[in-house]
Amino acid sequence: MRNYSLVDREAESAASVCRVLPVGGGIAFADEREEKVNRVIGLGLDVPVRRAEIEEILDFYFRRDATVRIELCTWAHPSLMAQLEAHKFVLREFRNVWCRPLSADSVSQSISAGFTIQRIGDTDIDLWSKALEAGMGGNAMQFGASADQFRDWHRTDGCQVLGICRNREEAGGGILAVVDRTALLLGACTIPGFRRHGAYKSLLIGRLFVAAAMGCNLAMLRLPPGHRVEQCIQGLGFRLAYTTAVMESPYLPSPLDAESRPEAENE
């Protein structure tokens, strides 16, 4: 069984709107400001999935008026596919999971000239978030992350936010989460004026360096199939590990009363 050091229980602190729930061997994420974040990953990879766990997931998202999305991995226990069918989930999209091994001396690439990487501390996170927000010109999502997400993930145990600068000017930021010596390279954003100058690649390399120094032996990231940065990450040693299907409940978010709760056809 995995040891999810990132989350021990559903986080309900007023300091953050990002919630996490361990369930069925996986983790459910819910962010009240970023609908794109809301999904369940890793479900059924360790244990069979029961009807009660799907009901718990539905309740977790419906209570937040959020759409329910579950990522179905090809290695998941067959019970997950049966439960998704019973609860009438439908296919919405695919996601590719890319991996590469890590060791202390395995990151041979260098950060592009002129860029520097730094960890964003408690005293600087709001300043950096505002700078990124202003630099993105109001566009909330760039490469899957926003300024609000940086604040939320910064408060999450096991996560850190790394910023990238060029000539002392904020160029972007990315999230690094570590679980059981596995480095998860989560959302990253680069300010438009710094793209095509190596900012995104440097941000990846910087996080790989930090993860290797922390003793991680594997790095992972997720992208839609055919994403424009695939060539970049392959040049950094990432290889396609597997593809997940993103399954979505067709039922609108609402309280789980007798009328709105989907009827499962089997246990």
C-alpha atoms as a PDB file:
ATOM      1  CA  MET A   1       0.000   0.000   0.000  1.00  0.00           C
ATOM      2  CA  ARG A   2       1.314   3.451  -0.860  1.00  0.00           C
ATOM      3  CA  ASN A   3       2.169   5.915   1.889  1.00  0.00           C
ATOM      4  CA  TYR A   4       0.529   9.162   0.834  1.00  0.00           C
ATOM      5  CA  SER A   5       2.568  11.655   2.841  1.00  0.00           C
ATOM      6  CA  LEU A   6       0.858  14.510   0.988  1.00  0.00           C
ATOM      7  CA  VAL A   7      -2.532  13.774   2.486  1.00  0.00           C
ATOM      8  CA  ASP A   8      -3.593  11.909   5.605  1.00  0.00           C
ATOM      9  CA  ARG A   9      -7.202  13.050   5.588  1.00  0.00           C
ATOM     10  CA  GLU A  10      -9.556  15.399   3.811  1.00  0.00           C
ATOM     11  CA  ALA A  11      -8.090  18.873   4.300  1.00  0.00           C
ATOM     12  CA  GLU A  12     -10.741  21.327   5.417  1.00  0.00           C
ATOM     13  CA  SER A  13      -8.662  24.250   6.706  1.00  0.00           C
ATOM     14  CA  ALA A  14      -9.910  27.737   5.986  1.00  0.00           C
ATOM     15  CA  ALA A  15      -6.443  28.694   4.771  1.00  0.00           C
ATOM     16  CA  SER A  16      -6.879  26.891   1.469  1.00  0.00           C
ATOM     17  CA  VAL A  17      -9.660  26.016  -0.947  1.00  0.00           C
ATOM     18  CA  CYS A  18      -7.775  22.959  -2.245  1.00  0.00           C
ATOM     19  CA  ARG A  19      -9.146  19.710  -0.785  1.00  0.00           C
ATOM     20  CA  VAL A  20      -7.744  16.200  -0.992  1.00  0.00           C
ATOM     21  CA  LEU A  21      -9.264  12.863  -0.041  1.00  0.00           C
ATOM     22  CA  PRO A  22      -7.488   9.463   0.018  1.00  0.00           C
ATOM     23  CA  VAL A  23      -9.908   6.842  -1.293  1.00  0.00           C
ATOM     24  CA  GLY A  24      -9.681   3.374  -2.851  1.00  0.00           C
ATOM     25  CA  GLY A  25      -5.876   3.445  -3.055  1.00  0.00           C
ATOM     26  CA  GLY A  26      -5.952   6.796  -4.881  1.00  0.00           C
ATOM     27  CA  ILE A  27      -6.413  10.487  -4.174  1.00  0.00           C
ATOM     28  CA  ALA A  28      -9.304  12.815  -5.006  1.00  0.00           C
ATOM     29  CA  PHE A  29      -8.410  16.475  -5.605  1.00  0.00           C
ATOM     30  CA  ALA A  30     -10.937  19.319  -5.427  1.00  0.00           C
ATOM     31  CA  ASP A  31     -10.181  22.983  -5.968  1.00  0.00           C
ATOM     32  CA  GLU A  32     -13.067  25.435  -5.689  1.00  0.00           C
ATOM     33  CA  ARG A  33     -11.337  27.947  -7.983  1.00  0.00           C
ATOM     34  CA  GLU A  34      -9.782  25.662 -10.606  1.00  0.00           C
ATOM     35  CA  GLU A  35     -12.270  23.190 -12.090  1.00  0.00           C
ATOM     36  CA  LYS A  36      -9.479  21.672 -14.209  1.00  0.00           C
ATOM     37  CA  VAL A  37      -7.798  20.330 -11.055  1.00  0.00           C
ATOM     38  CA  ASN A  38     -10.828  18.320  -9.927  1.00  0.00           C
ATOM     39  CA  ARG A  39     -10.172  14.641 -10.551  1.00  0.00           C
ATOM     40  CA  VAL A  40      -9.356  11.306  -8.877  1.00  0.00           C
ATOM     41  CA  ILE A  41      -6.018   9.634  -9.655  1.00  0.00           C
ATOM     42  CA  GLY A  42      -4.565   6.261  -8.691  1.00  0.00           C
ATOM     43  CA  LEU A  43      -7.949   4.715  -7.933  1.00  0.00           C
ATOM     44  CA  GLY A  44      -7.898   0.903  -7.908  1.00  0.00           C
ATOM     45  CA  LEU A  45      -4.150   0.512  -8.422  1.00  0.00           C
ATOM     46  CA  ASP A  46      -3.632  -1.148  -5.015  1.00  0.00           C
ATOM     47  CA  VAL A  47      -7.006  -2.577  -4.044  1.00  0.00           C
ATOM     48  CA  PRO A  48     -10.358  -3.490  -5.601  1.00  0.00           C
ATOM     49  CA  VAL A  49     -12.862  -0.633  -5.794  1.00  0.00           C
ATOM     50  CA  ARG A  50     -16.199  -0.993  -4.032  1.00  0.00           C
ATOM     51  CA  ARG A  51     -19.494   0.770  -4.622  1.00  0.00           C
ATOM     52  CA  ALA A  52     -19.132   2.583  -1.267  1.00  0.00           C
ATOM     53  CA  GLU A  53     -15.905   4.213  -2.442  1.00  0.00           C
ATOM     54  CA  ILE A  54     -17.471   5.497  -5.654  1.00  0.00           C
ATOM     55  CA  GLU A  55     -20.346   6.858  -3.563  1.00  0.00           C
ATOM     56  CA  GLU A  56     -17.819   8.576  -1.283  1.00  0.00           C
ATOM     57  CA  ILE A  57     -16.175  10.191  -4.308  1.00  0.00           C
ATOM     58  CA  LEU A  58     -19.513  11.362  -5.707  1.00  0.00           C
ATOM     59  CA  ASP A  59     -20.424  12.881  -2.361  1.00  0.00           C
ATOM     60  CA  PHE A  60     -16.972  14.546  -2.047  1.00  0.00           C
ATOM     61  CA  TYR A  61     -17.455  16.439  -5.318  1.00  0.00           C
ATOM     62  CA  PHE A  62     -21.208  16.976  -5.219  1.00  0.00           C
ATOM     63  CA  ARG A  63     -20.887  18.690  -1.821  1.00  0.00           C
ATOM     64  CA  ARG A  64     -18.569  21.175  -3.545  1.00  0.00           C
ATOM     65  CA  ASP A  65     -20.806  21.603  -6.595  1.00  0.00           C
ATOM     66  CA  ALA A  66     -18.017  20.139  -8.748  1.00  0.00           C
ATOM     67  CA  THR A  67     -17.980  17.774 -11.708  1.00  0.00           C
ATOM     68  CA  VAL A  68     -16.788  14.230 -10.895  1.00  0.00           C
ATOM     69  CA  ARG A  69     -13.829  13.001 -12.970  1.00  0.00           C
ATOM     70  CA  ILE A  70     -11.951   9.744 -12.380  1.00  0.00           C
ATOM     71  CA  GLU A  71      -8.793   8.762 -14.231  1.00  0.00           C
ATOM     72  CA  LEU A  72      -8.903   5.126 -15.323  1.00  0.00           C
ATOM     73  CA  CYS A  73      -5.456   3.575 -15.641  1.00  0.00           C
ATOM     74  CA  THR A  74      -4.951   0.453 -17.760  1.00  0.00           C
ATOM     75  CA  TRP A  75      -3.354  -1.211 -14.715  1.00  0.00           C
ATOM     76  CA  ALA A  76      -6.300  -0.568 -12.407  1.00  0.00           C
ATOM     77  CA  HIS A  77      -8.190  -3.459 -10.813  1.00  0.00           C
ATOM     78  CA  PRO A  78     -11.083  -4.659 -13.054  1.00  0.00           C
ATOM     79  CA  SER A  79     -13.550  -3.724 -10.323  1.00  0.00           C
ATOM     80  CA  LEU A  80     -12.985  -0.035 -11.097  1.00  0.00           C
ATOM     81  CA  MET A  81     -14.150  -0.400 -14.685  1.00  0.00           C
ATOM     82  CA  ALA A  82     -17.194  -2.326 -13.487  1.00  0.00           C
ATOM     83  CA  GLN A  83     -18.063   0.376 -10.946  1.00  0.00           C
ATOM     84  CA  LEU A  84     -17.642   3.171 -13.494  1.00  0.00           C
ATOM     85  CA  GLU A  85     -19.969   1.358 -15.870  1.00  0.00           C
ATOM     86  CA  ALA A  86     -22.478   0.718 -13.100  1.00  0.00           C
ATOM     87  CA  HIS A  87     -22.479   4.416 -12.161  1.00  0.00           C
ATOM     88  CA  LYS A  88     -22.808   5.412 -15.843  1.00  0.00           C
ATOM     89  CA  PHE A  89     -19.518   7.321 -16.157  1.00  0.00           C
ATOM     90  CA  VAL A  90     -18.605   8.402 -19.703  1.00  0.00           C
ATOM     91  CA  LEU A  91     -15.252   8.922 -21.426  1.00  0.00           C
ATOM     92  CA  ARG A  92     -14.179  12.586 -21.744  1.00  0.00           C
ATOM     93  CA  GLU A  93     -10.463  12.640 -22.624  1.00  0.00           C
ATOM     94  CA  PHE A  94      -7.112  10.864 -22.387  1.00  0.00           C
ATOM     95  CA  ARG A  95      -3.971  11.802 -20.453  1.00  0.00           C
ATOM     96  CA  ASN A  96      -0.439  10.534 -21.021  1.00  0.00           C
ATOM     97  CA  VAL A  97       1.795   9.857 -18.021  1.00  0.00           C
ATOM     98  CA  TRP A  98       5.493  10.432 -18.685  1.00  0.00           C
ATOM     99  CA  CYS A  99       8.290   9.120 -16.437  1.00  0.00           C
ATOM    100  CA  ARG A 100      12.073   9.165 -16.172  1.00  0.00           C
ATOM    101  CA  PRO A 101      14.496   7.690 -13.612  1.00  0.00           C
ATOM    102  CA  LEU A 102      16.317  10.012 -11.227  1.00  0.00           C
ATOM    103  CA  SER A 103      19.563   9.821  -9.280  1.00  0.00           C
ATOM    104  CA  ALA A 104      22.008  12.313  -7.808  1.00  0.00           C
ATOM    105  CA  ASP A 105      24.003  12.538 -11.052  1.00  0.00           C
ATOM    106  CA  SER A 106      21.331  11.718 -13.639  1.00  0.00           C
ATOM    107  CA  VAL A 107      20.352  15.296 -14.582  1.00  0.00           C
ATOM    108  CA  SER A 108      23.007  16.287 -17.109  1.00  0.00           C
ATOM    109  CA  GLN A 109      21.206  19.194 -18.789  1.00  0.00           C
ATOM    110  CA  SER A 110      21.801  22.786 -17.710  1.00  0.00           C
ATOM    111  CA  ILE A 111      19.392  25.643 -17.121  1.00  0.00           C
ATOM    112  CA  SER A 112      19.332  28.079 -20.043  1.00  0.00           C
ATOM    113  CA  ALA A 113      21.717  31.024 -19.808  1.00  0.00           C
ATOM    114  CA  GLY A 114      20.325  34.006 -17.930  1.00  0.00           C
ATOM    115  CA  PHE A 115      17.738  32.022 -15.940  1.00  0.00           C
ATOM    116  CA  THR A 116      17.889  31.230 -12.232  1.00  0.00           C
ATOM    117  CA  ILE A 117      15.703  28.904 -10.168  1.00  0.00           C
ATOM    118  CA  GLN A 118      14.696  29.486  -6.565  1.00  0.00           C
ATOM    119  CA  ARG A 119      12.345  27.995  -4.026  1.00  0.00           C
ATOM    120  CA  ILE A 120       9.514  30.354  -3.118  1.00  0.00           C
ATOM    121  CA  GLY A 121       9.207  30.759   0.649  1.00  0.00           C
ATOM    122  CA  ASP A 122       6.338  31.786   2.882  1.00  0.00           C
ATOM    123  CA  THR A 123       7.239  35.468   2.799  1.00  0.00           C
ATOM    124  CA  ASP A 124       7.407  35.614  -1.006  1.00  0.00           C
ATOM    125  CA  ILE A 125       4.581  33.373  -2.218  1.00  0.00           C
ATOM    126  CA  ASP A 126       1.945  36.135  -2.400  1.00  0.00           C
ATOM    127  CA  LEU A 127       4.324  38.523  -4.174  1.00  0.00           C
ATOM    128  CA  TRP A 128       5.267  35.842  -6.716  1.00  0.00           C
ATOM    129  CA  SER A 129       1.655  34.816  -7.260  1.00  0.00           C
ATOM    130  CA  LYS A 130       0.635  38.412  -7.957  1.00  0.00           C
ATOM    131  CA  ALA A 131       3.588  38.905 -10.312  1.00  0.00           C
ATOM    132  CA  LEU A 132       2.674  35.759 -12.270  1.00  0.00           C
ATOM    133  CA  GLU A 133      -0.964  36.765 -12.383  1.00  0.00           C
ATOM    134  CA  ALA A 134      -0.061  40.190 -13.759  1.00  0.00           C
ATOM    135  CA  GLY A 135       2.407  38.731 -16.245  1.00  0.00           C
ATOM    136  CA  MET A 136      -0.197  36.312 -17.578  1.00  0.00           C
ATOM    137  CA  GLY A 137      -2.474  39.235 -18.383  1.00  0.00           C
ATOM    138  CA  GLY A 138      -5.492  37.747 -16.622  1.00  0.00           C
ATOM    139  CA  ASN A 139      -5.205  34.353 -18.345  1.00  0.00           C
ATOM    140  CA  ALA A 140      -5.849  32.008 -15.434  1.00  0.00           C
ATOM    141  CA  MET A 141      -4.301  28.860 -16.860  1.00  0.00           C
ATOM    142  CA  GLN A 142      -0.888  28.443 -18.475  1.00  0.00           C
ATOM    143  CA  PHE A 143       0.450  24.901 -18.782  1.00  0.00           C
ATOM    144  CA  GLY A 144      -2.085  23.783 -16.193  1.00  0.00           C
ATOM    145  CA  ALA A 145      -1.404  26.152 -13.280  1.00  0.00           C
ATOM    146  CA  SER A 146      -2.573  29.521 -12.031  1.00  0.00           C
ATOM    147  CA  ALA A 147      -1.453  32.015  -9.405  1.00  0.00           C
ATOM    148  CA  ASP A 148      -4.155  30.828  -6.990  1.00  0.00           C
ATOM    149  CA  GLN A 149      -2.958  27.244  -7.379  1.00  0.00           C
ATOM    150  CA  PHE A 150       0.576  28.233  -6.443  1.00  0.00           C
ATOM    151  CA  ARG A 151      -0.724  29.657  -3.165  1.00  0.00           C
ATOM    152  CA  ASP A 152      -2.792  26.553  -2.445  1.00  0.00           C
ATOM    153  CA  TRP A 153      -0.100  23.999  -3.270  1.00  0.00           C
ATOM    154  CA  HIS A 154       2.452  26.017  -1.300  1.00  0.00           C
ATOM    155  CA  ARG A 155       0.399  25.254   1.822  1.00  0.00           C
ATOM    156  CA  THR A 156       0.268  21.505   1.083  1.00  0.00           C
ATOM    157  CA  ASP A 157       2.663  19.216   2.948  1.00  0.00           C
ATOM    158  CA  GLY A 158       5.197  17.592   0.634  1.00  0.00           C
ATOM    159  CA  CYS A 159       4.861  20.315  -2.012  1.00  0.00           C
ATOM    160  CA  GLN A 160       7.013  23.267  -2.907  1.00  0.00           C
ATOM    161  CA  VAL A 161       6.780  26.013  -5.493  1.00  0.00           C
ATOM    162  CA  LEU A 162       9.856  26.885  -7.535  1.00  0.00           C
ATOM    163  CA  GLY A 163      10.153  30.164  -9.381  1.00  0.00           C
ATOM    164  CA  ILE A 164      12.255  31.006 -12.413  1.00  0.00           C
ATOM    165  CA  CYS A 165      13.764  34.462 -13.029  1.00  0.00           C
ATOM    166  CA  ARG A 166      15.594  36.141 -15.849  1.00  0.00           C
ATOM    167  CA  ASN A 167      17.545  39.285 -15.058  1.00  0.00           C
ATOM    168  CA  ARG A 168      15.767  39.403 -11.683  1.00  0.00           C
ATOM    169  CA  GLU A 169      12.357  39.454 -13.353  1.00  0.00           C
ATOM    170  CA  GLU A 170       9.777  36.760 -12.609  1.00  0.00           C
ATOM    171  CA  ALA A 171       9.454  34.471 -15.631  1.00  0.00           C
ATOM    172  CA  GLY A 172       7.285  31.654 -14.300  1.00  0.00           C
ATOM    173  CA  GLY A 173       6.784  29.009 -11.646  1.00  0.00           C
ATOM    174  CA  GLY A 174       6.160  25.297 -11.197  1.00  0.00           C
ATOM    175  CA  ILE A 175       5.027  22.898  -8.491  1.00  0.00           C
ATOM    176  CA  LEU A 176       7.065  19.953  -7.209  1.00  0.00           C
ATOM    177  CA  ALA A 177       5.404  17.320  -5.014  1.00  0.00           C
ATOM    178  CA  VAL A 178       7.258  14.336  -3.536  1.00  0.00           C
ATOM    179  CA  VAL A 179       5.531  11.074  -2.581  1.00  0.00           C
ATOM    180  CA  ASP A 180       7.531   7.962  -1.664  1.00  0.00           C
ATOM    181  CA  ARG A 181      10.682   9.141  -3.514  1.00  0.00           C
ATOM    182  CA  THR A 182       8.597   9.929  -6.599  1.00  0.00           C
ATOM    183  CA  ALA A 183       8.738  13.501  -7.880  1.00  0.00           C
ATOM    184  CA  LEU A 184       5.465  14.743  -9.334  1.00  0.00           C
ATOM    185  CA  LEU A 185       5.973  17.716 -11.646  1.00  0.00           C
ATOM    186  CA  LEU A 186       2.594  19.361 -11.394  1.00  0.00           C
ATOM    187  CA  GLY A 187       1.240  22.529 -12.951  1.00  0.00           C
ATOM    188  CA  ALA A 188       3.688  25.071 -14.324  1.00  0.00           C
ATOM    189  CA  CYS A 189       3.227  28.468 -15.909  1.00  0.00           C
ATOM    190  CA  THR A 190       5.584  30.659 -17.894  1.00  0.00           C
ATOM    191  CA  ILE A 191       4.879  34.316 -18.598  1.00  0.00           C
ATOM    192  CA  PRO A 192       4.356  34.763 -22.371  1.00  0.00           C
ATOM    193  CA  GLY A 193       7.271  37.160 -22.866  1.00  0.00           C
ATOM    194  CA  PHE A 194       9.749  34.523 -21.669  1.00  0.00           C
ATOM    195  CA  ARG A 195       8.535  31.628 -23.806  1.00  0.00           C
ATOM    196  CA  ARG A 196      10.685  30.276 -26.636  1.00  0.00           C
ATOM    197  CA  HIS A 197      13.714  31.372 -24.627  1.00  0.00           C
ATOM    198  CA  GLY A 198      14.053  28.188 -22.579  1.00  0.00           C
ATOM    199  CA  ALA A 199      11.946  29.182 -19.559  1.00  0.00           C
ATOM    200  CA  TYR A 200       9.731  26.079 -19.526  1.00  0.00           C
ATOM    201  CA  LYS A 201      12.626  23.682 -20.121  1.00  0.00           C
ATOM    202  CA  SER A 202      14.715  25.396 -17.438  1.00  0.00           C
ATOM    203  CA  LEU A 203      11.823  25.138 -15.005  1.00  0.00           C
ATOM    204  CA  LEU A 204      11.648  21.394 -15.656  1.00  0.00           C
ATOM    205  CA  ILE A 205      15.403  20.957 -15.231  1.00  0.00           C
ATOM    206  CA  GLY A 206      15.378  22.975 -12.009  1.00  0.00           C
ATOM    207  CA  ARG A 207      12.688  20.789 -10.485  1.00  0.00           C
ATOM    208  CA  LEU A 208      14.545  17.642 -11.558  1.00  0.00           C
ATOM    209  CA  PHE A 209      17.701  18.895  -9.832  1.00  0.00           C
ATOM    210  CA  VAL A 210      15.799  19.614  -6.622  1.00  0.00           C
ATOM    211  CA  ALA A 211      13.994  16.252  -6.719  1.00  0.00           C
ATOM    212  CA  ALA A 212      17.255  14.345  -7.277  1.00  0.00           C
ATOM    213  CA  ALA A 213      18.873  16.182  -4.361  1.00  0.00           C
ATOM    214  CA  MET A 214      15.910  15.119  -2.187  1.00  0.00           C
ATOM    215  CA  GLY A 215      16.601  11.451  -2.993  1.00  0.00           C
ATOM    216  CA  CYS A 216      13.829  10.860  -5.532  1.00  0.00           C
ATOM    217  CA  ASN A 217      14.388   7.961  -7.929  1.00  0.00           C
ATOM    218  CA  LEU A 218      11.515   8.661 -10.335  1.00  0.00           C
ATOM    219  CA  ALA A 219      10.000  11.776 -11.914  1.00  0.00           C
ATOM    220  CA  MET A 220       6.492  11.896 -13.401  1.00  0.00           C
ATOM    221  CA  LEU A 221       4.319  14.386 -15.256  1.00  0.00           C
ATOM    222  CA  ARG A 222       0.989  14.255 -17.084  1.00  0.00           C
ATOM    223  CA  LEU A 223       0.038  15.826 -20.415  1.00  0.00           C
ATOM    224  CA  PRO A 224      -2.764  15.596 -22.968  1.00  0.00           C
ATOM    225  CA  PRO A 225      -1.762  13.410 -25.952  1.00  0.00           C
ATOM    226  CA  GLY A 226       0.128  15.400 -28.583  1.00  0.00           C
ATOM    227  CA  HIS A 227       0.933  18.300 -26.265  1.00  0.00           C
ATOM    228  CA  ARG A 228       3.383  20.812 -27.746  1.00  0.00           C
ATOM    229  CA  VAL A 229       6.004  20.207 -25.022  1.00  0.00           C
ATOM    230  CA  GLU A 230       6.338  16.458 -25.682  1.00  0.00           C
ATOM    231  CA  GLN A 231       9.511  16.935 -27.729  1.00  0.00           C
ATOM    232  CA  CYS A 232      10.989  19.043 -24.945  1.00  0.00           C
ATOM    233  CA  ILE A 233      10.363  16.504 -22.188  1.00  0.00           C
ATOM    234  CA  GLN A 234      11.617  13.599 -24.320  1.00  0.00           C
ATOM    235  CA  GLY A 235      14.858  15.520 -24.718  1.00  0.00           C
ATOM    236  CA  LEU A 236      15.073  15.522 -20.918  1.00  0.00           C
ATOM    237  CA  GLY A 237      14.775  11.752 -20.725  1.00  0.00           C
ATOM    238  CA  PHE A 238      11.039  11.326 -20.152  1.00  0.00           C
ATOM    239  CA  ARG A 239       9.350   8.346 -21.785  1.00  0.00           C
ATOM    240  CA  LEU A 240       5.666   7.537 -22.150  1.00  0.00           C
ATOM    241  CA  ALA A 241       4.710   5.138 -19.338  1.00  0.00           C
ATOM    242  CA  TYR A 242       0.956   4.711 -19.828  1.00  0.00           C
ATOM    243  CA  THR A 243      -2.232   6.484 -20.827  1.00  0.00           C
ATOM    244  CA  THR A 244      -5.237   7.130 -18.605  1.00  0.00           C
ATOM    245  CA  ALA A 245      -8.850   7.630 -19.661  1.00  0.00           C
ATOM    246  CA  VAL A 246     -10.611  10.504 -17.909  1.00  0.00           C
ATOM    247  CA  MET A 247     -14.086   9.288 -17.000  1.00  0.00           C
ATOM    248  CA  GLU A 248     -16.798  11.752 -15.998  1.00  0.00           C
ATOM    249  CA  SER A 249     -20.094  11.347 -14.205  1.00  0.00           C
ATOM    250  CA  PRO A 250     -22.997  12.559 -16.379  1.00  0.00           C
ATOM    251  CA  TYR A 251     -24.907  13.653 -13.289  1.00  0.00           C
ATOM    252  CA  LEU A 252     -24.899  17.341 -12.406  1.00  0.00           C
ATOM    253  CA  PRO A 253     -23.432  18.281  -9.010  1.00  0.00           C
ATOM    254  CA  SER A 254     -26.209  18.255  -6.413  1.00  0.00           C
ATOM    255  CA  PRO A 255     -26.842  16.893  -2.926  1.00  0.00           C
ATOM    256  CA  LEU A 256     -26.906  13.109  -2.880  1.00  0.00           C
ATOM    257  CA  ASP A 257     -30.561  12.625  -2.101  1.00  0.00           C
ATOM    258  CA  ALA A 258     -32.678   9.694  -3.198  1.00  0.00           C
ATOM    259  CA  GLU A 259     -33.545  11.280  -6.545  1.00  0.00           C
ATOM    260  CA  SER A 260     -30.113  12.562  -7.611  1.00  0.00           C
ATOM    261  CA  ARG A 261     -27.958   9.637  -6.487  1.00  0.00           C
ATOM    262  CA  PRO A 262     -27.125   7.401  -9.475  1.00  0.00           C
ATOM    263  CA  GLU A 263     -28.276   3.833  -9.029  1.00  0.00           C
ATOM    264  CA  ALA A 264     -25.397   1.396  -9.359  1.00  0.00           C
ATOM    265  CA  GLU A 265     -26.290  -1.819 -11.140  1.00  0.00           C
ATOM    266  CA  ASN A 266     -23.953  -3.994  -9.093  1.00  0.00           C
ATOM    267  CA  GLU A 267     -21.643  -3.942  -6.101  1.00  0.00           C
END
